[in-house]
Protein backbone atom coordinates (compact mmCIF):
# COMPACT_ATOMS: atom_id res chain seq x y z
CA MET A 1 98.80 280.74 23.54
CA THR A 2 99.79 281.32 27.16
CA MET A 3 102.68 279.19 28.35
CA ASN A 4 102.93 277.45 31.73
CA VAL A 5 106.10 277.55 33.82
CA LEU A 6 106.92 275.47 36.90
CA VAL A 7 109.39 276.85 39.43
CA ALA A 8 110.52 273.77 41.38
CA ASP A 9 113.19 275.34 43.62
CA PRO A 10 113.31 278.62 45.57
CA LEU A 11 113.88 281.49 43.13
CA ALA A 12 114.47 285.17 43.79
CA GLN A 13 111.16 287.02 43.66
CA GLU A 14 112.43 289.30 40.89
CA GLY A 15 112.72 286.25 38.64
CA VAL A 16 109.26 284.98 39.50
CA ASP A 17 107.73 288.42 38.87
CA ALA A 18 109.44 288.68 35.47
CA LEU A 19 108.11 285.27 34.43
CA LYS A 20 104.58 286.18 35.45
CA GLN A 21 104.53 288.94 32.86
CA TYR A 22 104.81 286.36 30.07
CA ALA A 23 103.42 283.08 31.41
CA ASN A 24 101.33 281.31 34.01
CA VAL A 25 103.73 280.51 36.85
CA ASP A 26 103.37 277.84 39.53
CA VAL A 27 105.91 277.82 42.38
CA LYS A 28 105.99 274.30 43.86
CA THR A 29 109.14 273.50 45.79
CA LYS A 30 110.31 270.37 47.62
CA LEU A 31 108.50 268.06 45.21
CA THR A 32 109.44 264.40 45.30
CA PRO A 33 110.64 262.90 42.00
CA GLU A 34 107.32 261.09 41.60
CA GLU A 35 105.34 264.27 42.31
CA LEU A 36 107.39 266.22 39.77
CA LYS A 37 107.04 263.47 37.19
CA GLY A 38 103.29 263.44 37.75
CA ILE A 39 102.75 267.13 36.94
CA ILE A 40 105.60 268.09 34.58
CA GLY A 41 103.53 267.17 31.52
CA ASN A 42 101.47 270.35 32.06
CA TYR A 43 104.38 272.78 31.59
CA GLU A 44 106.38 274.25 28.72
CA ALA A 45 109.21 275.44 30.99
CA LEU A 46 110.84 274.23 34.20
CA VAL A 47 113.04 276.32 36.50
CA VAL A 48 115.31 274.70 39.09
CA ARG A 49 118.39 275.47 41.14
CA SER A 50 120.56 272.71 42.61
CA GLN A 51 118.03 270.86 44.78
CA THR A 52 115.74 269.32 42.15
CA ARG A 53 117.18 266.55 39.97
CA VAL A 54 115.81 266.63 36.44
CA THR A 55 116.32 263.04 35.34
CA ALA A 56 115.65 261.37 31.99
CA ASP A 57 112.37 259.97 33.36
CA ILE A 58 111.14 263.44 34.30
CA ILE A 59 112.22 264.82 30.92
CA GLU A 60 110.36 262.01 29.12
CA ALA A 61 107.27 262.84 31.16
CA GLY A 62 107.56 266.51 30.21
CA THR A 63 105.84 266.08 26.88
CA LYS A 64 105.27 269.84 26.47
CA LEU A 65 108.69 270.97 27.72
CA ILE A 66 110.50 273.48 25.52
CA VAL A 67 113.12 274.78 27.93
CA ILE A 68 114.67 273.90 31.31
CA GLY A 69 116.41 276.68 33.23
CA ARG A 70 119.01 276.32 35.99
CA ALA A 71 119.36 279.47 38.10
CA GLY A 72 123.08 278.97 38.63
CA VAL A 73 126.26 277.90 36.89
CA GLY A 74 126.33 274.09 37.00
CA VAL A 75 123.80 271.78 35.35
CA ASP A 76 124.93 268.55 37.00
CA ASN A 77 121.40 267.98 38.29
CA ILE A 78 119.91 268.06 34.78
CA ASP A 79 120.24 265.21 32.28
CA THR A 80 121.25 267.44 29.38
CA ALA A 81 121.74 264.48 27.02
CA ALA A 82 118.14 263.40 27.55
CA ALA A 83 116.96 266.97 27.06
CA THR A 84 118.94 267.28 23.83
CA ARG A 85 117.44 264.07 22.48
CA ARG A 86 114.01 265.54 23.11
CA GLY A 87 114.91 268.87 21.51
CA ILE A 88 114.57 270.66 24.87
CA ILE A 89 116.88 273.62 25.39
CA VAL A 90 118.74 273.74 28.71
CA VAL A 91 119.90 277.17 29.87
CA ASN A 92 121.86 278.32 32.90
CA ALA A 93 123.16 281.55 34.43
CA PRO A 94 126.97 281.41 34.12
CA THR A 95 127.63 285.07 34.88
CA GLY A 96 125.07 285.76 37.60
CA ASN A 97 127.41 284.87 40.44
CA THR A 98 130.66 286.06 38.80
CA ILE A 99 131.12 289.16 40.93
CA SER A 100 130.08 287.45 44.15
CA ALA A 101 132.48 284.56 43.52
CA ALA A 102 135.32 286.94 42.67
CA GLU A 103 134.67 289.10 45.74
CA HIS A 104 134.62 286.02 47.96
CA ALA A 105 137.99 284.87 46.59
CA VAL A 106 139.42 288.31 47.31
CA ALA A 107 137.83 288.33 50.77
CA LEU A 108 139.44 284.97 51.55
CA MET A 109 142.79 286.29 50.36
CA MET A 110 142.52 289.33 52.62
CA ALA A 111 141.37 287.18 55.55
CA LEU A 112 144.45 284.99 55.04
CA ALA A 113 146.75 287.97 54.80
CA ARG A 114 145.48 289.55 58.03
CA ASN A 115 144.44 286.46 60.05
CA ILE A 116 140.98 287.94 60.49
CA PRO A 117 138.97 284.81 61.50
CA GLN A 118 141.61 283.71 63.99
CA ALA A 119 141.87 287.16 65.55
CA ASN A 120 138.09 287.45 65.75
CA ALA A 121 137.79 284.09 67.52
CA SER A 122 140.60 284.97 69.94
CA LEU A 123 139.15 288.31 70.94
CA LYS A 124 135.69 286.78 71.45
CA ARG A 125 137.32 284.35 73.85
CA GLY A 126 138.43 287.39 75.88
CA GLU A 127 142.05 287.36 74.68
CA TRP A 128 144.06 290.37 73.55
CA LYS A 129 146.93 288.88 71.52
CA ARG A 130 147.88 291.44 68.89
CA ASN A 131 151.33 290.00 68.31
CA ASP A 132 149.94 286.56 67.56
CA PHE A 133 148.15 287.82 64.47
CA MET A 134 150.82 289.76 62.62
CA GLY A 135 149.71 289.94 59.01
CA THR A 136 151.11 290.93 55.63
CA GLU A 137 150.13 293.56 53.06
CA VAL A 138 148.98 292.35 49.67
CA ARG A 139 150.32 295.47 47.97
CA GLY A 140 153.39 294.60 45.97
CA LYS A 141 152.80 290.86 46.38
CA THR A 142 152.50 288.47 43.43
CA LEU A 143 149.07 286.92 42.83
CA GLY A 144 148.99 283.76 40.70
CA LEU A 145 145.67 283.29 38.91
CA VAL A 146 145.04 279.76 37.65
CA GLY A 147 142.20 280.29 35.20
CA LEU A 148 141.27 283.64 33.65
CA GLY A 149 137.65 283.09 32.72
CA ASN A 150 134.69 285.05 34.10
CA VAL A 151 135.67 284.82 37.78
CA GLY A 152 139.45 284.80 37.35
CA SER A 153 139.39 287.95 35.25
CA GLU A 154 137.25 289.76 37.84
CA VAL A 155 139.66 288.74 40.63
CA ALA A 156 142.48 290.12 38.47
CA ARG A 157 140.65 293.41 38.08
CA ARG A 158 140.25 293.78 41.85
CA ALA A 159 143.78 292.68 42.65
CA GLN A 160 145.15 295.23 40.22
CA GLY A 161 143.39 297.92 42.24
CA MET A 162 145.25 296.64 45.32
CA GLU A 163 148.57 297.15 43.49
CA MET A 164 149.44 293.48 43.25
CA ARG A 165 151.65 291.96 40.57
CA LEU A 166 149.49 289.59 38.50
CA ILE A 167 150.67 286.38 36.86
CA GLY A 168 148.32 283.84 35.32
CA TYR A 169 147.82 280.56 33.53
CA ASP A 170 145.02 279.77 31.09
CA PRO A 171 145.71 277.98 27.80
CA PHE A 172 142.55 279.43 26.28
CA VAL A 173 143.34 283.09 26.88
CA THR A 174 145.68 284.78 24.44
CA ALA A 175 148.73 286.72 25.59
CA GLU A 176 147.16 289.88 24.12
CA ARG A 177 143.97 289.43 26.14
CA ALA A 178 146.00 288.75 29.29
CA GLN A 179 148.07 291.86 28.66
CA LYS A 180 144.90 293.95 28.62
CA MET A 181 144.16 292.57 32.11
CA ASN A 182 147.73 293.41 33.15
CA VAL A 183 148.38 289.70 33.72
CA GLU A 184 151.72 288.21 32.77
CA MET A 185 151.17 284.70 31.41
CA LYS A 186 153.27 281.97 33.04
CA THR A 187 153.51 278.21 33.17
CA LEU A 188 151.97 276.46 36.17
CA ASP A 189 155.42 275.65 37.57
CA GLU A 190 156.37 279.34 37.35
CA ILE A 191 153.19 280.30 39.21
CA TRP A 192 153.90 277.79 41.98
CA GLN A 193 157.42 279.18 42.34
CA GLU A 194 156.74 282.92 42.09
CA ALA A 195 153.34 283.59 43.66
CA ASP A 196 152.74 284.89 47.18
CA PHE A 197 149.01 284.18 46.81
CA ILE A 198 147.44 281.62 44.46
CA THR A 199 143.76 281.60 43.50
CA LEU A 200 142.15 278.74 41.56
CA HIS A 201 139.44 279.34 38.95
CA VAL A 202 139.25 276.12 36.94
CA PRO A 203 136.74 273.25 36.65
CA LEU A 204 137.33 269.85 38.20
CA ILE A 205 138.24 267.53 35.34
CA GLU A 206 140.74 264.72 35.00
CA ALA A 207 143.50 267.17 34.05
CA THR A 208 142.92 269.41 37.10
CA LYS A 209 142.14 266.79 39.75
CA LYS A 210 144.67 267.30 42.57
CA MET A 211 146.54 269.73 40.36
CA ILE A 212 148.21 270.97 43.55
CA GLY A 213 149.89 268.08 45.35
CA ALA A 214 153.09 267.46 47.25
CA LYS A 215 155.27 268.16 44.20
CA GLN A 216 153.63 271.51 43.48
CA LEU A 217 153.55 272.52 47.15
CA ALA A 218 157.28 271.87 47.44
CA MET A 219 157.89 274.47 44.73
CA MET A 220 156.06 277.22 46.61
CA LYS A 221 157.45 279.84 48.94
CA PRO A 222 157.11 278.98 52.65
CA SER A 223 155.01 282.13 52.98
CA ALA A 224 152.71 281.37 50.04
CA ARG A 225 148.96 281.18 50.61
CA ILE A 226 146.39 279.30 48.49
CA ILE A 227 142.74 280.22 47.90
CA ASN A 228 140.29 277.71 46.38
CA ALA A 229 136.76 278.97 45.80
CA ALA A 230 136.36 277.06 42.53
CA ARG A 231 135.92 273.28 42.93
CA GLY A 232 136.65 270.75 45.63
CA GLY A 233 139.29 268.23 44.63
CA LEU A 234 141.67 270.62 42.90
CA ILE A 235 144.06 270.31 45.85
CA ASP A 236 145.42 267.19 47.55
CA GLU A 237 144.14 268.04 51.04
CA GLU A 238 146.48 265.68 52.89
CA ALA A 239 149.52 267.08 51.09
CA LEU A 240 148.27 270.61 51.75
CA MET A 241 147.92 270.02 55.49
CA ALA A 242 151.31 268.27 55.64
CA ALA A 243 152.94 271.32 54.08
CA ILE A 244 151.13 273.74 56.40
CA ASN A 245 151.90 271.72 59.53
CA ALA A 246 155.57 271.48 58.53
CA GLY A 247 155.79 275.27 58.14
CA GLU A 248 156.35 274.93 54.39
CA LEU A 249 153.26 276.97 53.44
CA GLY A 250 151.76 280.14 54.85
CA GLY A 251 148.16 278.96 54.85
CA ALA A 252 145.08 278.21 52.78
CA ALA A 253 141.49 279.38 52.43
CA ILE A 254 139.00 276.82 51.14
CA ASP A 255 135.36 277.42 50.17
CA VAL A 256 134.67 274.18 48.27
CA PHE A 257 134.94 270.51 49.14
CA ILE A 258 134.94 267.18 47.32
CA GLU A 259 131.68 266.18 48.98
CA GLU A 260 129.18 268.73 50.25
CA PRO A 261 127.77 269.36 52.79
CA CYS A 262 131.13 268.92 54.53
CA THR A 263 131.19 269.14 58.33
CA GLN A 264 134.37 267.17 59.03
CA SER A 265 137.73 267.62 57.32
CA ILE A 266 141.45 267.63 58.09
CA LEU A 267 141.32 271.23 56.82
CA PHE A 268 139.40 272.18 59.99
CA ASN A 269 142.30 271.26 62.29
CA SER A 270 144.72 274.14 61.72
CA ASP A 271 144.71 277.81 62.64
CA LYS A 272 146.44 278.46 59.31
CA THR A 273 143.40 277.39 57.32
CA ILE A 274 140.20 279.35 56.73
CA VAL A 275 137.13 277.38 55.65
CA THR A 276 133.70 278.57 54.50
CA PRO A 277 130.66 276.47 53.46
CA HIS A 278 130.64 277.15 49.70
CA LEU A 279 129.70 280.81 49.97
CA GLY A 280 131.00 281.98 46.58
CA ALA A 281 127.54 282.66 45.16
CA SER A 282 125.83 283.30 48.49
CA THR A 283 124.87 286.94 48.14
CA ALA A 284 121.45 288.45 47.64
CA GLU A 285 122.72 290.13 44.48
CA ALA A 286 124.04 286.88 42.98
CA GLN A 287 120.77 285.07 43.62
CA THR A 288 118.81 287.88 42.01
CA LEU A 289 121.15 288.10 39.00
CA ALA A 290 121.10 284.34 38.47
CA ALA A 291 117.31 284.31 38.62
CA THR A 292 116.83 287.21 36.22
CA GLU A 293 119.51 285.89 33.85
CA VAL A 294 117.92 282.48 33.50
CA VAL A 295 114.37 283.85 33.42
CA GLN A 296 115.17 286.20 30.52
CA GLN A 297 116.48 283.24 28.52
CA ILE A 298 113.37 281.21 29.28
CA ILE A 299 111.22 284.10 28.10
CA ASP A 300 113.30 284.39 24.92
CA VAL A 301 113.01 280.68 24.15
CA LEU A 302 109.25 280.64 24.77
CA ASN A 303 109.00 283.53 22.32
CA GLY A 304 111.00 281.69 19.65
CA LYS A 305 114.25 283.57 20.20
CA PRO A 306 117.71 282.04 20.79
CA ALA A 307 119.03 281.62 24.33
CA LYS A 308 122.25 283.37 25.26
CA TYR A 309 123.62 280.52 27.41
CA ALA A 310 122.21 277.26 26.05
CA VAL A 311 124.31 274.49 27.57
CA ASN A 312 123.27 271.62 25.32
CA ALA A 313 123.49 271.12 21.57
CA PRO A 314 121.91 273.88 19.48
CA LEU A 315 118.33 273.25 18.49
CA VAL A 316 118.10 271.81 14.96
CA SER A 317 114.81 271.41 13.10
CA ALA A 318 113.28 267.95 13.10
CA GLU A 319 113.60 267.73 9.31
CA VAL A 320 117.34 268.39 9.29
CA LEU A 321 118.26 266.60 12.54
CA PRO A 322 118.69 263.06 11.06
CA VAL A 323 121.20 264.43 8.54
CA MET A 324 123.01 266.57 11.12
CA ILE A 325 123.39 264.02 13.95
CA PRO A 326 126.37 262.10 12.46
CA TYR A 327 128.22 265.37 11.80
CA MET A 328 127.40 266.64 15.30
CA HIS A 329 128.96 263.49 16.79
CA LEU A 330 131.99 263.96 14.54
CA ALA A 331 132.38 267.63 15.50
CA ASP A 332 132.35 266.68 19.18
CA ALA A 333 135.08 264.07 18.62
CA VAL A 334 137.27 266.43 16.55
CA GLY A 335 137.05 269.29 19.06
CA ASN A 336 137.55 266.99 22.04
CA LEU A 337 140.68 265.37 20.56
CA LEU A 338 142.12 268.76 19.66
CA SER A 339 141.70 269.88 23.29
CA TYR A 340 144.19 267.19 24.34
CA LEU A 341 146.76 267.95 21.67
CA GLY A 342 147.19 271.71 21.80
CA GLY A 343 149.91 273.43 23.80
CA GLY A 344 150.74 277.03 24.66
CA GLN A 345 148.44 280.04 24.41
CA ILE A 346 145.75 279.67 21.77
CA GLN A 347 145.61 282.50 19.24
CA ALA A 348 143.26 281.42 16.46
CA ILE A 349 140.92 278.61 15.48
CA ASN A 350 140.42 277.74 11.82
CA ILE A 351 137.55 275.46 10.82
CA LYS A 352 137.14 273.95 7.36
CA TYR A 353 134.13 272.03 5.99
CA GLN A 354 134.67 270.06 2.79
CA GLY A 355 132.37 267.99 0.62
CA GLU A 356 128.77 267.19 1.50
CA VAL A 357 128.92 268.80 4.95
CA ALA A 358 129.69 272.19 3.39
CA ASP A 359 126.12 272.35 2.05
CA LEU A 360 124.62 272.23 5.57
CA ASP A 361 124.03 274.98 8.12
CA THR A 362 127.34 274.65 9.95
CA ASN A 363 126.55 277.02 12.83
CA PRO A 364 125.55 274.12 15.13
CA LEU A 365 128.73 272.26 14.12
CA LYS A 366 130.88 275.27 14.93
CA ALA A 367 129.20 275.49 18.32
CA ILE A 368 129.90 271.84 19.05
CA LEU A 369 133.50 272.06 17.81
CA LEU A 370 134.21 275.07 20.03
CA GLY A 371 132.26 273.62 22.94
CA ALA A 372 134.25 270.38 22.82
CA LEU A 373 137.56 272.24 22.49
CA LEU A 374 136.97 274.76 25.26
CA GLY A 375 134.49 272.82 27.39
CA ARG A 376 136.91 270.18 28.66
CA LEU A 377 139.05 272.86 30.28
CA THR A 378 136.55 275.46 31.43
CA ASP A 379 133.22 275.79 33.20
CA GLU A 380 132.05 278.36 30.67
CA ARG A 381 129.83 276.66 28.11
CA VAL A 382 129.97 277.55 24.41
CA ASN A 383 126.94 277.36 22.13
CA MET A 384 125.61 278.57 18.78
CA VAL A 385 124.67 281.96 20.21
CA ASN A 386 127.76 282.74 22.27
CA ALA A 387 130.54 280.84 20.45
CA ASN A 388 132.02 283.91 18.79
CA MET A 389 131.42 286.03 21.90
CA GLU A 390 133.23 283.54 24.15
CA ALA A 391 136.14 283.29 21.72
CA THR A 392 136.32 287.06 21.35
CA LYS A 393 136.34 287.45 25.14
CA ARG A 394 139.46 285.29 25.17
CA GLY A 395 141.00 287.13 22.23
CA ILE A 396 140.70 284.07 19.96
CA LYS A 397 140.11 284.66 16.26
CA ILE A 398 137.81 282.17 14.51
CA THR A 399 137.72 281.63 10.76
CA GLU A 400 135.50 279.25 8.79
CA GLU A 401 135.96 277.96 5.27
CA LYS A 402 133.71 275.84 3.08
CA GLN A 403 134.70 273.82 0.02
CA ALA A 404 132.15 271.97 -2.07
CA THR A 405 134.66 269.28 -3.03
CA CYS A 406 136.99 267.03 -1.03
CA ASP A 407 139.86 265.08 -2.57
CA ASN A 408 139.85 261.92 -0.45
CA TYR A 409 136.50 261.77 1.35
CA ALA A 410 132.84 262.48 0.72
CA ASN A 411 132.96 264.91 3.64
CA LEU A 412 135.64 266.30 5.94
CA ILE A 413 135.58 268.53 9.01
CA SER A 414 138.97 269.99 9.98
CA MET A 415 139.79 272.09 13.03
CA GLU A 416 143.13 273.87 13.40
CA ALA A 417 144.35 275.57 16.58
CA VAL A 418 147.10 278.13 16.17
CA THR A 419 148.98 278.52 19.46
CA SER A 420 152.13 280.17 20.73
CA GLU A 421 153.85 276.78 20.41
CA GLY A 422 152.71 275.96 16.88
CA THR A 423 149.72 274.68 14.96
CA VAL A 424 147.70 271.54 15.67
CA THR A 425 145.14 270.08 13.26
CA VAL A 426 142.54 267.32 13.62
CA SER A 427 140.27 266.19 10.76
CA GLY A 428 137.40 263.75 10.70
CA SER A 429 134.89 262.26 8.29
CA VAL A 430 131.52 260.54 8.52
CA MET A 431 131.63 257.15 6.79
CA ARG A 432 128.66 254.77 6.76
CA GLY A 433 127.06 256.94 9.43
CA GLU A 434 130.04 256.56 11.78
CA SER A 435 132.62 259.12 12.93
CA HIS A 436 136.23 258.56 11.88
CA ILE A 437 139.24 260.64 12.89
CA VAL A 438 141.31 260.59 9.71
CA GLN A 439 144.08 263.13 10.25
CA ILE A 440 146.22 264.46 13.10
CA ASN A 441 148.61 267.13 11.89
CA ARG A 442 150.48 265.65 8.88
CA HIS A 443 149.53 262.07 9.72
CA TRP A 444 146.64 260.33 7.93
CA ILE A 445 145.00 257.73 10.16
CA ASP A 446 141.66 256.02 10.69
CA ILE A 447 140.29 255.60 14.20
CA THR A 448 136.68 255.47 15.40
CA PRO A 449 135.98 257.45 18.58
CA SER A 450 133.60 255.59 20.87
CA GLY A 451 134.30 256.88 24.37
CA SER A 452 137.46 254.77 24.43
CA TYR A 453 141.01 255.51 25.52
CA PHE A 454 143.71 256.06 22.93
CA LEU A 455 147.46 256.37 23.38
CA LEU A 456 148.93 258.72 20.81
CA CYS A 457 152.72 258.50 20.35
CA THR A 458 154.82 260.56 17.98
CA HIS A 459 158.14 258.89 17.34
CA LYS A 460 160.85 257.94 14.89
CA ASP A 461 159.87 254.95 12.77
CA ARG A 462 162.27 252.18 13.73
CA PRO A 463 162.15 248.40 14.23
CA GLY A 464 161.07 247.18 17.65
CA LEU A 465 159.41 250.34 18.90
CA ILE A 466 155.81 249.17 18.39
CA GLY A 467 156.62 245.96 20.25
CA ALA A 468 158.22 247.87 23.12
CA VAL A 469 155.13 250.04 23.57
CA GLY A 470 152.86 246.99 23.33
CA LYS A 471 154.90 245.21 25.99
CA ILE A 472 154.50 248.14 28.40
CA ALA A 473 150.73 247.99 27.93
CA GLY A 474 150.73 244.20 28.24
CA ASP A 475 152.80 244.23 31.42
CA ALA A 476 150.20 246.62 32.88
CA ASP A 477 147.43 244.18 31.88
CA ILE A 478 145.95 246.76 29.49
CA ASN A 479 144.39 245.24 26.39
CA ILE A 480 145.00 246.84 22.99
CA SER A 481 141.87 246.50 20.85
CA TYR A 482 143.60 247.78 17.70
CA MET A 483 146.44 250.02 16.58
CA HIS A 484 147.19 252.32 13.67
CA LEU A 485 150.55 253.60 12.44
CA SER A 486 151.06 256.54 10.13
CA ARG A 487 154.53 257.49 8.98
CA ILE A 488 155.72 260.31 6.74
CA THR A 489 158.66 258.33 5.37
CA ALA A 490 160.32 255.01 6.21
CA ARG A 491 162.44 255.51 9.33
CA GLY A 492 161.12 259.07 9.54
CA ASP A 493 158.53 260.76 11.77
CA ALA A 494 155.54 258.59 12.65
CA LEU A 495 152.34 258.58 14.69
CA MET A 496 151.26 255.45 16.55
CA VAL A 497 147.70 255.21 17.85
CA LEU A 498 146.77 252.42 20.26
CA ALA A 499 143.09 251.87 21.11
CA LEU A 500 142.94 250.67 24.73
CA ASP A 501 140.20 248.94 26.69
CA GLU A 502 141.28 250.83 29.82
CA ALA A 503 143.33 253.91 30.66
CA LEU A 504 147.08 253.34 30.66
CA PRO A 505 148.36 254.42 34.12
CA ASP A 506 150.61 257.47 34.41
CA ALA A 507 153.62 255.34 35.32
CA GLN A 508 153.32 253.34 32.09
CA CYS A 509 152.75 256.51 30.04
CA LYS A 510 156.03 257.80 31.43
CA GLN A 511 157.69 254.50 30.51
CA VAL A 512 156.52 254.94 26.93
CA LEU A 513 157.76 258.51 26.88
CA GLY A 514 161.10 257.29 28.18
CA LEU A 515 161.64 254.93 25.24
CA SER A 516 164.32 255.88 22.76
CA ASP A 517 163.02 257.85 19.75
CA VAL A 518 159.60 258.59 21.33
CA TYR A 519 158.88 262.32 21.08
CA SER A 520 155.51 262.50 22.84
CA ALA A 521 152.94 260.17 24.43
CA LYS A 522 149.43 261.35 25.28
CA LEU A 523 146.51 259.40 26.67
CA VAL A 524 143.18 260.73 25.39
CA LYS A 525 139.56 259.69 25.74
CA ILE A 526 137.26 260.35 22.78
């Protein structure tokens, strides 16, 4: 049976031509939501870029849909949860623009080093001011790479050819992998202090929002220059401009903004800043690669083959899905919690399935575990097809173990991360169809993840400490819905878990950490 494909956004002709070899293709761009909803029921596949929003209503109307393809990296315009519920695979093209994005970051760095835009504008005004645009060589300078995924590693490769010293930060790249890229792994504070140029290659999440602010800028060399071609919002723009205007920073090059299109910004008001309108992927080659990458996956899915870059949950047969869903939710919670707790460079991931869950096909569970662990800190999605490949790319070793029996529970999923700073373990069980986190390291607990905030405190078990932490939360008008305490021995090491109705502010988290006998305090959302 011939399949029908709708291309709803402009797509490189190479992609359209490839699709036409396997399916009937209609190219209909600039459709209104109602128009798209009215015709989507006729198609097995939908291809979009960033313009068309694929909402839950449109997905529900797409009764024949098998696959939705996004010819680009992000899938923010696609309701992936709705697609997953319908068993529709969502694919994207995460590597199509890698080289273009890396080259643009390098181009911005060189433009900063040699004042190219400013000199160009001056000369076109009829001025000849060579001395005003004295630059600096990048050879021998230190480049700090924050994020060593697809784009960051390609920037490193190019910077090495320019004889730069490379230092980097990425908790999900092993020291061995970094060494092969000739990158010396550092802490973020060390990068701020040592780098002459800093390039950002991380997603915008809670942990990275305004990761460069006044405190970080104060650590940098007065001659340091920052390049952000990753995500808007990674830098506190007001603090950045204050540092530049005060002569405390050499300059900045920005390609991305918090809200786009952006035609007004304080970043536009200085000759020491270079701004471009999100051009990282704006090359003919990137558009062609993104189109062909996503089209090949669509063709594979329509032919019953797995997709290389599926961004939603792996497809599970309708017969098995009701049994798998509770374990899939549990795997997401276990991996997500572990992503908050690990520290240092990750070296290995060990997964253990015990009891009833060990009898199932655990490949989808492994994908979800890895996706939850890595996905919170990277743009690069992990799925059933590419989980091992993505881990191998980072130098991470994955082992899986199955045991038919479980001592304390009917089923147990455990995930252990071995890092340069030690080993962290999270275990969970499905009870009465509900996910329960039952172990963190040596501590046995029982909490139910539900998208809520939890404050996890390791501490010495002593009288008055629970009350002191509760008072800090109460003084901040944060309600505690329940708490759980697990201790190894009386007056020994303990873990306190507080379930909170709202996030505890940073100031109060620091107050908790400042209490006597508190070893760590982490706010997580699972």
